[in-house]
Structure formats: structure tokens, C-alpha cells
C-alpha atoms as a PDB file:
ATOM      1  CA  UNK A   1      61.194 -50.758-106.434  1.00  0.00           C
ATOM      2  CA  UNK A   2      62.502 -52.436-103.417  1.00  0.00           C
ATOM      3  CA  UNK A   3      61.878 -55.607-101.935  1.00  0.00           C
ATOM      4  CA  UNK A   4      59.347 -54.336 -99.405  1.00  0.00           C
ATOM      5  CA  UNK A   5      57.288 -52.940-102.185  1.00  0.00           C
ATOM      6  CA  UNK A   6      57.423 -56.075-104.018  1.00  0.00           C
ATOM      7  CA  UNK A   7      56.563 -58.069-100.902  1.00  0.00           C
ATOM      8  CA  UNK A   8      53.653 -55.485-100.164  1.00  0.00           C
ATOM      9  CA  UNK A   9      52.304 -56.175-103.834  1.00  0.00           C
ATOM     10  CA  UNK A  10      52.447 -59.875-103.095  1.00  0.00           C
ATOM     11  CA  UNK A  11      50.742 -59.917 -99.937  1.00  0.00           C
ATOM     12  CA  UNK A  12      47.960 -57.909-101.058  1.00  0.00           C
ATOM     13  CA  UNK A  13      47.553 -59.949-104.134  1.00  0.00           C
ATOM     14  CA  UNK A  14      47.735 -63.142-102.043  1.00  0.00           C
ATOM     15  CA  UNK A  15      44.228 -61.971-100.264  1.00  0.00           C
ATOM     16  CA  UNK A  16      42.325 -62.787-103.376  1.00  0.00           C
ATOM     17  CA  UNK A  17      44.819 -64.999-105.402  1.00  0.00           C
ATOM     18  CA  UNK A  18      46.724 -68.249-104.744  1.00  0.00           C
ATOM     19  CA  UNK A  19      50.357 -67.148-105.314  1.00  0.00           C
ATOM     20  CA  UNK A  20      51.370 -70.714-106.173  1.00  0.00           C
ATOM     21  CA  UNK A  21      49.449 -70.362-109.386  1.00  0.00           C
ATOM     22  CA  UNK A  22      51.095 -67.005-110.473  1.00  0.00           C
ATOM     23  CA  UNK A  23      53.912 -67.231-112.780  1.00  0.00           C
ATOM     24  CA  UNK A  24      56.660 -64.440-112.711  1.00  0.00           C
ATOM     25  CA  UNK A  25      57.735 -62.623-115.874  1.00  0.00           C
ATOM     26  CA  UNK A  26      60.166 -59.761-116.650  1.00  0.00           C
ATOM     27  CA  UNK A  27      60.220 -57.214-119.614  1.00  0.00           C
ATOM     28  CA  UNK A  28      62.652 -54.560-120.175  1.00  0.00           C
ATOM     29  CA  UNK A  29      59.966 -52.171-121.191  1.00  0.00           C
ATOM     30  CA  UNK A  30      56.364 -52.254-122.721  1.00  0.00           C
ATOM     31  CA  UNK A  31      57.747 -52.819-126.284  1.00  0.00           C
ATOM     32  CA  UNK A  32      59.623 -55.877-125.398  1.00  0.00           C
ATOM     33  CA  UNK A  33      58.410 -59.625-124.924  1.00  0.00           C
ATOM     34  CA  UNK A  34      58.175 -60.903-121.371  1.00  0.00           C
ATOM     35  CA  UNK A  35      60.432 -63.678-120.383  1.00  0.00           C
ATOM     36  CA  UNK A  36      59.707 -66.232-117.450  1.00  0.00           C
ATOM     37  CA  UNK A  37      61.705 -65.564-114.147  1.00  0.00           C
ATOM     38  CA  UNK A  38      63.277 -68.861-113.221  1.00  0.00           C
ATOM     39  CA  UNK A  39      65.116 -67.537-109.953  1.00  0.00           C
ATOM     40  CA  UNK A  40      65.928 -64.923-107.784  1.00  0.00           C
ATOM     41  CA  UNK A  41      69.350 -64.714-106.441  1.00  0.00           C
ATOM     42  CA  UNK A  42      71.429 -62.337-104.071  1.00  0.00           C
ATOM     43  CA  UNK A  43      73.285 -59.883-106.284  1.00  0.00           C
ATOM     44  CA  UNK A  44      75.089 -57.208-104.112  1.00  0.00           C
ATOM     45  CA  UNK A  45      76.085 -56.750-100.359  1.00  0.00           C
ATOM     46  CA  UNK A  46      76.876 -53.513 -98.633  1.00  0.00           C
ATOM     47  CA  UNK A  47      80.343 -51.990 -98.975  1.00  0.00           C
ATOM     48  CA  UNK A  48      81.290 -51.605 -95.253  1.00  0.00           C
ATOM     49  CA  UNK A  49      80.623 -55.241 -94.110  1.00  0.00           C
ATOM     50  CA  UNK A  50      79.745 -57.390 -97.325  1.00  0.00           C
ATOM     51  CA  UNK A  51      77.114 -59.119 -95.203  1.00  0.00           C
ATOM     52  CA  UNK A  52      74.170 -57.323 -95.744  1.00  0.00           C
ATOM     53  CA  UNK A  53      72.224 -57.976 -99.024  1.00  0.00           C
ATOM     54  CA  UNK A  54      71.508 -54.616-100.828  1.00  0.00           C
ATOM     55  CA  UNK A  55      70.200 -55.925-104.111  1.00  0.00           C
ATOM     56  CA  UNK A  56      68.738 -59.163-105.599  1.00  0.00           C
ATOM     57  CA  UNK A  57      68.307 -59.989-109.191  1.00  0.00           C
ATOM     58  CA  UNK A  58      65.514 -62.006-111.061  1.00  0.00           C
ATOM     59  CA  UNK A  59      66.866 -64.331-113.544  1.00  0.00           C
ATOM     60  CA  UNK A  60      65.522 -65.441-116.737  1.00  0.00           C
ATOM     61  CA  UNK A  61      67.806 -68.086-118.026  1.00  0.00           C
ATOM     62  CA  UNK A  62      69.851 -69.955-115.459  1.00  0.00           C
ATOM     63  CA  UNK A  63      71.514 -72.509-118.043  1.00  0.00           C
ATOM     64  CA  UNK A  64      74.869 -71.286-117.263  1.00  0.00           C
ATOM     65  CA  UNK A  65      74.535 -71.867-113.721  1.00  0.00           C
END
């Protein structure tokens, strides 16, 4: 999945749902428990200029931040 696919999904969902009322969770696979996502952060940048974001990461525990 890329960021545009996520945005498209959320925009479609927003047509019928108040997104402020929707919590985000993460699970590794269907056999694991879901953990609440507490933040999203920049994760990686392009190799050439190191200025364009290429990856983001969802964080489930930011206590060490």
C-alpha cells in the first residue's frame, strides 16, 4: 500500500463517516491482536537528495520518544 491508496480509502470513507470518530489500529496479520496506532512519522527519505519522503511508519507505542 502507498500513501495515495490510504488517502483514497480515507476520502471515500469520509463520505459516510466522521473520521474524527475512527480510531486507527495495526495488526501484523489476521492471527494477531490489533494495537492502536498512536502516531505516524516520517521514516525514510530518497537516497539521492535525502529530502523527499519515501516511507512513513505507524507507531503503536511512543513511550520511548
